[in-house]
């Protein structure tokens, strides 16, 4: 019999954690419900325990740290990740579970943005941030995902155990989407209703600092997952700037047979050298990345054969 685990990271969610647990126990009665408490001070862990969840603790602050422990510790065939703030309806979980267990998806994404998110969400900068991240990710990674940053997902064991989670905080959802796109995992999206936090429940997100971390993480992962394109862009920028600077120097030399702008010439030469270094770095890192991927695939095949 297939085993399903519901994963609920929790930090000071006493107003909503009990309802979230009871809702998922109702729609997935055979699933194990795990709540990993992340240094809560409002008694969320005791409320979760009384509601019937398996409560464990992660003392390193941050949602990414919590999920890293969850993915490492918990064994299941289907993992359903959901926030503890009661913004996602449990009723969609059985359909997400079914898609994973039937092998129709490695990861199922609960798409908020095409349903009620923009009506329910009261933070306009979050709307802009979601749209910006979606545009960046889909254009940089040739994707067509509708909701990059949703916290409602179902994943199979293969995806969870192969996912090298690096993020520490709320940028983890974006990292997860990028990993799925780069690894060519089978991703399905289903529309899910979104509701804003109930009264008395406060968001832990900081619009600007967390948004900056998400954008920084996209750039870092773009560098790691697509090094050839990343460094070629830098090489092209340096080459263009070097050319712009060297043109007046060459013009003066053609007219006077003298180099009258040595500082400008030195800067342009430096930019040309940097351009060449960026190009070579991209080539080398791309070869290493492809070789590493082939090695991992070979090891995975050998493990399956044994």
Foldseek 3Di string as FASTA:
>chain_A
DFAEEEEEEDAQQVVFQLVVLVQLCVQPVRYAYEYEYAPHDPCSQVSNVVSPHHYHYDPQDAPLSSLVCVLVPDDGFKYKFDYRQPFFGSNCVVVQVVCSVVPVFQKEAAAAPPACCVVADPDVLVVVLQVVLQVVLCVLLVDDDRGQQDRTMMGGNVLSVPDPRDDGHSLRSNSSSNCCSLVVGGYHYDYTHGHDGDPPDDDPDDSPVVSVVNVVVSLVVSCQSQVQVSLLVLLVVLQVVLVVLCVVQVVVCVVPVDRPCVVSNVSSVVSNVSSVVSNVVSVVSVVVVVVVVVVVVVVVVVVVVD
